[in-house]
Amino acid sequence: MLTETLRLLAVKDAAGKKSGSRKFHYICILKILAMSIHDLEKQFQGKIDTEIKIEPKDWMPEAYRKTNIRQISQHAHSEIVGMLPEGNWITRAPSLKRKAILLAKVQDEAGHGLYLYSAAETLGMSRDEMIADLHSGKAKYSSIFNYPTLTWADMGAIGWLVDGAAIMNQVMLCRTSYGPYARAMVRICKEESFHQRQGFESLLVLSKGTDEQKAMCQDAINRWWWPSLMMFGPKDSESTNSDQSMKWKIKRKTNDELRQNFVDMIAEQVKVLGMTLPDPDLKWNEERGHYDFGQINWDEFWNVVKGNGPCNKQRLEARRKAHENGKWVREAAMAHAAKQKLKSQSKAA
């Protein structure tokens, strides 16, 4: 019924004496209506194959829209929830310098979350809906943030390993097919790469310190290594979304490819620290040109994803509480915006 109404309006206005812009608008509607879904999908895939970005007003398959909403909102949630493990150490940083660095980093993560929520909103889902899904447990965030930060060395391990794993995935996303997501990732990647270098530098200082500091550094690496490998998601054979996401160029490499690249990078960097990775099976494979590494505990991964990790409940409760406590700020901001709008309208009148 709606399609037929649009068609009749388009014919009427295109034939009549309507303004040029409106006439052009309805002609466009006619052209779209004349195309079959198959034609639209073919045109859509053609754009992707030729590296033309998909923009919010472009036609897109509903599955593409939903996949991007799921991925971008999950990424945004991860940035926001990811503030909690590190924020826990701001008041206990060992020096003013380290406190300032950590404050700046946590603020960066908040900004990343806002960029990504904005990108997801261009696909038709409101920020309130996304946050409600997070608080209800319907939406997921990265499993890595459900582990506790037990010592100061964890701040370095998170920067080096967790942000390092994130960068491995996010550099690829700067070329993702959805325009707003790709553009948001450019700035995010610049800041995340700095976070990784800062984390490595923090561990490097500890690795050259006292025996106790060296032991603390090694302990943090031991605890964060395997969860960092899990950040790339399930192995390819169990990843239900990878094939379609690769076809649509939402992602450019598979989970296992990214995980392997990460292992190859960290296995060399850890030598500079004079530390080791907690994997007796880690060794260079000359024939493959990559490091071989041990079996990931997938039972642990899925247990955390399902909400049964060490800190799942605490993380969600902290987010719900922060959201509720900040309600008055949001209401005040909205009231101020409404007041300013009325002032502008009065002046215009």
Protein backbone atom coordinates (compact mmCIF):
# COMPACT_ATOMS: atom_id res chain seq x y z
CA MET A 1 0.00 0.00 0.00
CA LEU A 2 2.78 2.44 0.94
CA THR A 3 4.72 1.58 -2.20
CA GLU A 4 1.69 2.20 -4.41
CA THR A 5 0.96 5.52 -2.67
CA LEU A 6 4.54 6.68 -3.19
CA ARG A 7 4.36 5.64 -6.82
CA LEU A 8 1.17 7.64 -7.43
CA LEU A 9 2.57 10.70 -5.66
CA ALA A 10 5.75 10.47 -7.67
CA VAL A 11 3.88 10.24 -10.97
CA LYS A 12 1.60 13.14 -10.04
CA ASP A 13 4.37 15.45 -8.84
CA ALA A 14 6.82 14.56 -11.58
CA ALA A 15 4.17 15.37 -14.17
CA GLY A 16 2.95 18.51 -12.40
CA LYS A 17 4.50 21.89 -11.76
CA LYS A 18 6.23 21.14 -8.48
CA SER A 19 9.55 22.66 -7.43
CA GLY A 20 12.66 21.25 -9.07
CA SER A 21 14.06 19.69 -5.90
CA ARG A 22 10.77 17.98 -5.02
CA LYS A 23 10.32 16.80 -8.59
CA PHE A 24 13.81 15.31 -8.56
CA HIS A 25 13.05 13.64 -5.21
CA TYR A 26 9.99 11.86 -6.55
CA ILE A 27 11.76 10.83 -9.73
CA CYS A 28 14.34 9.15 -7.52
CA ILE A 29 11.53 7.37 -5.68
CA LEU A 30 10.17 6.12 -9.00
CA LYS A 31 13.54 4.76 -9.98
CA ILE A 32 13.93 2.92 -6.67
CA LEU A 33 10.43 1.46 -6.90
CA ALA A 34 11.17 0.25 -10.41
CA MET A 35 14.10 -1.79 -9.13
CA SER A 36 13.64 -5.23 -7.67
CA ILE A 37 15.23 -6.24 -4.39
CA HIS A 38 17.63 -8.34 -6.44
CA ASP A 39 18.68 -5.27 -8.42
CA LEU A 40 19.16 -3.23 -5.25
CA GLU A 41 21.25 -5.96 -3.64
CA LYS A 42 23.37 -6.27 -6.77
CA GLN A 43 23.95 -2.51 -6.84
CA PHE A 44 24.72 -2.52 -3.13
CA GLN A 45 27.29 -5.32 -3.44
CA GLY A 46 28.79 -3.58 -6.45
CA LYS A 47 29.50 -0.51 -4.33
CA ILE A 48 31.19 -2.64 -1.70
CA ASP A 49 33.24 -4.57 -4.26
CA THR A 50 34.51 -1.29 -5.73
CA GLU A 51 35.35 0.13 -2.27
CA ILE A 52 32.59 2.76 -2.28
CA LYS A 53 31.45 3.47 1.28
CA ILE A 54 27.86 2.80 2.25
CA GLU A 55 26.32 5.92 3.79
CA PRO A 56 23.28 6.25 6.11
CA LYS A 57 20.86 7.36 3.37
CA ASP A 58 21.93 4.65 0.93
CA TRP A 59 19.76 1.60 0.39
CA MET A 60 21.12 -1.39 2.29
CA PRO A 61 19.88 -4.91 3.08
CA GLU A 62 18.19 -5.12 6.46
CA ALA A 63 20.67 -7.81 7.52
CA TYR A 64 23.57 -5.43 6.76
CA ARG A 65 21.97 -2.72 8.88
CA LYS A 66 21.36 -5.09 11.79
CA THR A 67 24.86 -6.57 11.59
CA ASN A 68 26.40 -3.11 11.77
CA ILE A 69 24.14 -2.07 14.65
CA ARG A 70 25.14 -5.19 16.56
CA GLN A 71 28.85 -4.76 15.91
CA ILE A 72 29.11 -0.99 16.36
CA SER A 73 26.94 -0.90 19.51
CA GLN A 74 28.89 -3.83 20.98
CA HIS A 75 32.09 -1.94 20.23
CA ALA A 76 30.66 1.19 21.90
CA HIS A 77 29.59 -0.80 24.97
CA SER A 78 33.09 -2.30 25.19
CA GLU A 79 34.69 1.16 25.23
CA ILE A 80 32.36 2.34 28.01
CA VAL A 81 32.53 -0.80 30.16
CA GLY A 82 36.26 -0.93 29.47
CA MET A 83 36.69 2.26 31.52
CA LEU A 84 35.84 0.36 34.71
CA PRO A 85 38.84 -1.98 35.17
CA GLU A 86 41.30 0.90 34.71
CA GLY A 87 39.22 3.52 36.49
CA ASN A 88 39.55 1.29 39.53
CA TRP A 89 43.25 2.28 39.75
CA ILE A 90 43.11 6.05 39.17
CA THR A 91 43.13 6.85 42.89
CA ARG A 92 45.88 4.28 43.52
CA ALA A 93 48.32 5.21 40.76
CA PRO A 94 51.93 5.20 42.05
CA SER A 95 52.72 8.77 40.96
CA LEU A 96 51.09 11.97 39.74
CA LYS A 97 52.48 11.30 36.26
CA ARG A 98 50.94 7.82 36.11
CA LYS A 99 47.64 9.14 37.46
CA ALA A 100 47.47 11.86 34.78
CA ILE A 101 48.23 9.31 32.05
CA LEU A 102 45.57 6.91 33.31
CA LEU A 103 42.97 9.69 33.64
CA ALA A 104 43.62 10.78 30.06
CA LYS A 105 43.36 7.21 28.81
CA VAL A 106 40.04 6.53 30.55
CA GLN A 107 38.68 9.80 29.14
CA ASP A 108 39.78 8.69 25.67
CA GLU A 109 37.78 5.47 26.06
CA ALA A 110 34.68 7.48 27.00
CA GLY A 111 35.10 9.55 23.86
CA HIS A 112 35.45 6.42 21.74
CA GLY A 113 32.18 5.11 23.11
CA LEU A 114 30.41 8.36 22.20
CA TYR A 115 31.81 8.35 18.63
CA LEU A 116 30.60 4.79 18.16
CA TYR A 117 27.14 5.33 19.65
CA SER A 118 26.78 8.25 17.23
CA ALA A 119 27.82 6.03 14.30
CA ALA A 120 25.32 3.35 15.32
CA GLU A 121 22.53 5.92 15.63
CA THR A 122 22.86 6.70 11.91
CA LEU A 123 21.47 3.20 11.29
CA GLY A 124 18.18 4.01 13.01
CA MET A 125 18.66 2.76 16.57
CA SER A 126 18.60 5.31 19.37
CA ARG A 127 21.30 5.55 22.02
CA ASP A 128 18.70 4.97 24.73
CA GLU A 129 17.74 1.68 23.07
CA MET A 130 21.36 0.57 22.84
CA ILE A 131 22.06 1.40 26.47
CA ALA A 132 18.86 -0.33 27.59
CA ASP A 133 19.98 -3.47 25.74
CA LEU A 134 23.34 -3.30 27.49
CA HIS A 135 21.82 -2.90 30.95
CA SER A 136 19.34 -5.72 30.38
CA GLY A 137 22.11 -8.09 29.31
CA LYS A 138 20.70 -8.45 25.78
CA ALA A 139 23.66 -6.67 24.20
CA LYS A 140 27.21 -7.93 24.65
CA TYR A 141 30.56 -6.24 25.14
CA SER A 142 34.10 -7.59 24.92
CA SER A 143 34.65 -10.54 27.26
CA ILE A 144 38.06 -9.16 28.31
CA PHE A 145 36.49 -6.55 30.59
CA ASN A 146 35.01 -9.18 32.87
CA TYR A 147 38.36 -9.91 34.48
CA PRO A 148 39.64 -8.14 37.63
CA THR A 149 42.59 -5.73 37.78
CA LEU A 150 44.53 -6.99 40.79
CA THR A 151 47.76 -4.96 40.71
CA TRP A 152 49.18 -1.79 39.17
CA ALA A 153 50.98 -3.93 36.58
CA ASP A 154 47.55 -4.82 35.18
CA MET A 155 47.33 -1.25 33.84
CA GLY A 156 50.40 -1.91 31.70
CA ALA A 157 49.19 -5.36 30.65
CA ILE A 158 45.82 -3.96 29.58
CA GLY A 159 47.49 -1.20 27.57
CA TRP A 160 49.96 -3.55 25.89
CA LEU A 161 47.88 -6.71 25.42
CA VAL A 162 44.22 -5.64 25.50
CA ASP A 163 44.66 -2.41 23.54
CA GLY A 164 47.17 -4.22 21.33
CA ALA A 165 44.56 -6.83 20.45
CA ALA A 166 42.00 -4.08 19.89
CA ILE A 167 44.34 -2.23 17.52
CA MET A 168 44.96 -5.41 15.53
CA ASN A 169 41.22 -5.56 14.84
CA GLN A 170 40.48 -1.84 14.65
CA VAL A 171 43.06 -0.84 12.04
CA MET A 172 41.15 -3.11 9.68
CA LEU A 173 37.91 -1.34 10.64
CA CYS A 174 39.25 1.98 9.32
CA ARG A 175 38.44 0.42 5.92
CA THR A 176 35.10 -1.12 6.89
CA SER A 177 32.36 -0.65 4.30
CA TYR A 178 30.01 1.49 6.42
CA GLY A 179 31.19 5.10 6.17
CA PRO A 180 30.36 6.52 9.63
CA TYR A 181 31.97 3.52 11.35
CA ALA A 182 35.12 3.73 9.22
CA ARG A 183 35.54 7.46 9.87
CA ALA A 184 35.04 7.08 13.62
CA MET A 185 37.72 4.38 13.68
CA VAL A 186 40.42 6.64 12.21
CA ARG A 187 40.66 8.79 15.34
CA ILE A 188 40.04 5.87 17.68
CA CYS A 189 42.95 3.93 16.18
CA LYS A 190 45.34 6.86 16.59
CA GLU A 191 44.50 7.08 20.28
CA GLU A 192 44.47 3.33 20.89
CA SER A 193 47.91 2.93 19.33
CA PHE A 194 49.20 5.47 21.83
CA HIS A 195 47.51 3.53 24.64
CA GLN A 196 49.35 0.40 23.59
CA ARG A 197 52.73 2.13 23.54
CA GLN A 198 52.02 3.67 26.93
CA GLY A 199 51.10 0.26 28.36
CA PHE A 200 54.28 -1.31 27.02
CA GLU A 201 56.37 1.52 28.48
CA SER A 202 54.74 1.01 31.87
CA LEU A 203 55.61 -2.69 31.84
CA LEU A 204 59.12 -1.91 30.60
CA VAL A 205 59.72 0.26 33.68
CA LEU A 206 58.51 -2.56 35.95
CA SER A 207 60.61 -5.14 34.10
CA LYS A 208 63.74 -3.13 34.96
CA GLY A 209 62.76 -2.59 38.59
CA THR A 210 63.03 -4.64 41.76
CA ASP A 211 62.48 -8.38 41.91
CA GLU A 212 59.03 -7.71 43.31
CA GLN A 213 58.19 -5.37 40.42
CA LYS A 214 59.47 -7.88 37.87
CA ALA A 215 57.35 -10.61 39.45
CA MET A 216 54.30 -8.32 39.39
CA CYS A 217 54.92 -7.59 35.70
CA GLN A 218 55.18 -11.30 34.83
CA ASP A 219 52.08 -12.13 36.88
CA ALA A 220 50.00 -9.54 35.02
CA ILE A 221 51.16 -10.88 31.64
CA ASN A 222 50.31 -14.41 32.74
CA ARG A 223 46.77 -13.46 33.73
CA TRP A 224 45.92 -11.27 30.71
CA TRP A 225 47.53 -13.28 27.89
CA TRP A 226 44.84 -15.88 27.27
CA PRO A 227 41.85 -13.52 27.74
CA SER A 228 43.53 -11.21 25.20
CA LEU A 229 43.59 -14.02 22.63
CA MET A 230 39.89 -14.62 23.30
CA MET A 231 39.14 -10.99 22.39
CA PHE A 232 39.21 -11.89 18.70
CA GLY A 233 36.12 -14.01 19.16
CA PRO A 234 35.44 -17.69 18.54
CA LYS A 235 37.54 -19.70 16.11
CA ASP A 236 36.48 -19.33 12.48
CA SER A 237 34.74 -22.70 12.36
CA GLU A 238 32.36 -21.52 15.11
CA SER A 239 31.91 -17.89 14.04
CA THR A 240 28.41 -17.61 12.58
CA ASN A 241 28.75 -14.05 11.26
CA SER A 242 32.24 -13.99 9.73
CA ASP A 243 31.51 -15.16 6.17
CA GLN A 244 28.78 -12.61 5.51
CA SER A 245 30.70 -9.83 7.27
CA MET A 246 33.71 -10.59 5.06
CA LYS A 247 31.55 -10.48 1.91
CA TRP A 248 30.13 -7.11 2.95
CA LYS A 249 33.63 -5.95 3.98
CA ILE A 250 32.40 -5.05 7.43
CA LYS A 251 35.53 -6.91 8.46
CA ARG A 252 38.55 -7.65 6.30
CA LYS A 253 40.19 -10.55 8.13
CA THR A 254 38.84 -13.55 10.01
CA ASN A 255 39.08 -14.02 13.77
CA ASP A 256 41.83 -16.62 13.45
CA GLU A 257 43.87 -14.49 11.02
CA LEU A 258 43.79 -11.53 13.40
CA ARG A 259 44.61 -13.74 16.39
CA GLN A 260 47.63 -15.19 14.58
CA ASN A 261 48.90 -11.72 13.64
CA PHE A 262 48.58 -10.67 17.27
CA VAL A 263 50.51 -13.68 18.56
CA ASP A 264 53.29 -13.05 16.02
CA MET A 265 53.60 -9.43 17.17
CA ILE A 266 53.48 -10.01 20.94
CA ALA A 267 55.85 -13.02 20.85
CA GLU A 268 58.57 -10.69 19.60
CA GLN A 269 57.74 -7.70 21.80
CA VAL A 270 57.78 -9.74 25.01
CA LYS A 271 61.48 -10.44 24.42
CA VAL A 272 62.21 -6.72 24.88
CA LEU A 273 60.57 -6.89 28.31
CA GLY A 274 62.66 -9.88 29.30
CA MET A 275 59.41 -11.64 30.24
CA THR A 276 57.69 -14.76 28.91
CA LEU A 277 54.23 -15.65 27.67
CA PRO A 278 52.42 -18.37 29.64
CA ASP A 279 52.31 -20.86 26.77
CA PRO A 280 54.74 -23.81 26.66
CA ASP A 281 53.60 -24.55 23.09
CA LEU A 282 54.61 -21.13 21.77
CA LYS A 283 57.34 -21.56 19.15
CA TRP A 284 58.30 -20.25 15.73
CA ASN A 285 57.19 -22.40 12.80
CA GLU A 286 59.57 -21.79 9.91
CA GLU A 287 57.40 -23.62 7.42
CA ARG A 288 54.27 -21.55 8.23
CA GLY A 289 56.15 -18.31 8.83
CA HIS A 290 54.16 -17.83 12.03
CA TYR A 291 54.29 -18.71 15.71
CA ASP A 292 52.50 -21.86 16.79
CA PHE A 293 50.62 -21.44 20.06
CA GLY A 294 48.63 -23.55 22.50
CA GLN A 295 44.94 -24.35 22.69
CA ILE A 296 42.64 -21.61 24.00
CA ASN A 297 40.25 -22.58 26.78
CA TRP A 298 37.04 -22.07 24.83
CA ASP A 299 34.92 -23.30 27.73
CA GLU A 300 36.15 -20.31 29.73
CA PHE A 301 35.47 -17.98 26.80
CA TRP A 302 31.86 -19.08 26.38
CA ASN A 303 31.29 -19.06 30.11
CA VAL A 304 32.31 -15.40 30.29
CA VAL A 305 30.27 -14.51 27.18
CA LYS A 306 27.20 -16.05 28.82
CA GLY A 307 27.63 -13.76 31.83
CA ASN A 308 29.42 -16.07 34.25
CA GLY A 309 32.88 -14.49 34.26
CA PRO A 310 34.69 -13.22 37.37
CA CYS A 311 33.29 -9.67 37.07
CA ASN A 312 30.28 -9.79 34.71
CA LYS A 313 27.72 -8.94 37.37
CA GLN A 314 29.86 -6.20 38.95
CA ARG A 315 30.54 -4.53 35.60
CA LEU A 316 26.88 -4.37 34.58
CA GLU A 317 25.78 -3.22 38.01
CA ALA A 318 28.38 -0.44 37.96
CA ARG A 319 27.15 0.71 34.54
CA ARG A 320 23.49 0.67 35.62
CA LYS A 321 24.32 2.64 38.76
CA ALA A 322 26.39 5.21 36.87
CA HIS A 323 23.61 5.65 34.31
CA GLU A 324 21.00 6.18 37.00
CA ASN A 325 23.19 8.58 38.98
CA GLY A 326 23.81 10.61 35.83
CA LYS A 327 20.14 10.96 34.98
CA TRP A 328 19.89 14.48 36.42
CA VAL A 329 22.80 15.63 34.23
CA ARG A 330 21.10 14.35 31.07
CA GLU A 331 17.82 15.97 32.08
CA ALA A 332 19.53 19.28 32.83
CA ALA A 333 21.33 19.20 29.47
CA MET A 334 18.07 18.52 27.64
CA ALA A 335 16.29 21.32 29.50
CA HIS A 336 19.10 23.74 28.64
CA ALA A 337 19.00 22.69 24.97
CA ALA A 338 15.22 23.22 24.88
CA LYS A 339 15.62 26.66 26.47
CA GLN A 340 18.26 27.69 23.94
CA LYS A 341 16.08 26.48 21.09
CA LEU A 342 13.17 28.64 22.31
CA LYS A 343 15.48 31.66 22.53
CA SER A 344 16.66 31.11 18.96
CA GLN A 345 13.10 30.78 17.71
CA SER A 346 12.07 33.98 19.53
CA LYS A 347 14.93 35.92 17.96
CA ALA A 348 14.09 34.55 14.52
CA ALA A 349 10.46 35.62 14.93
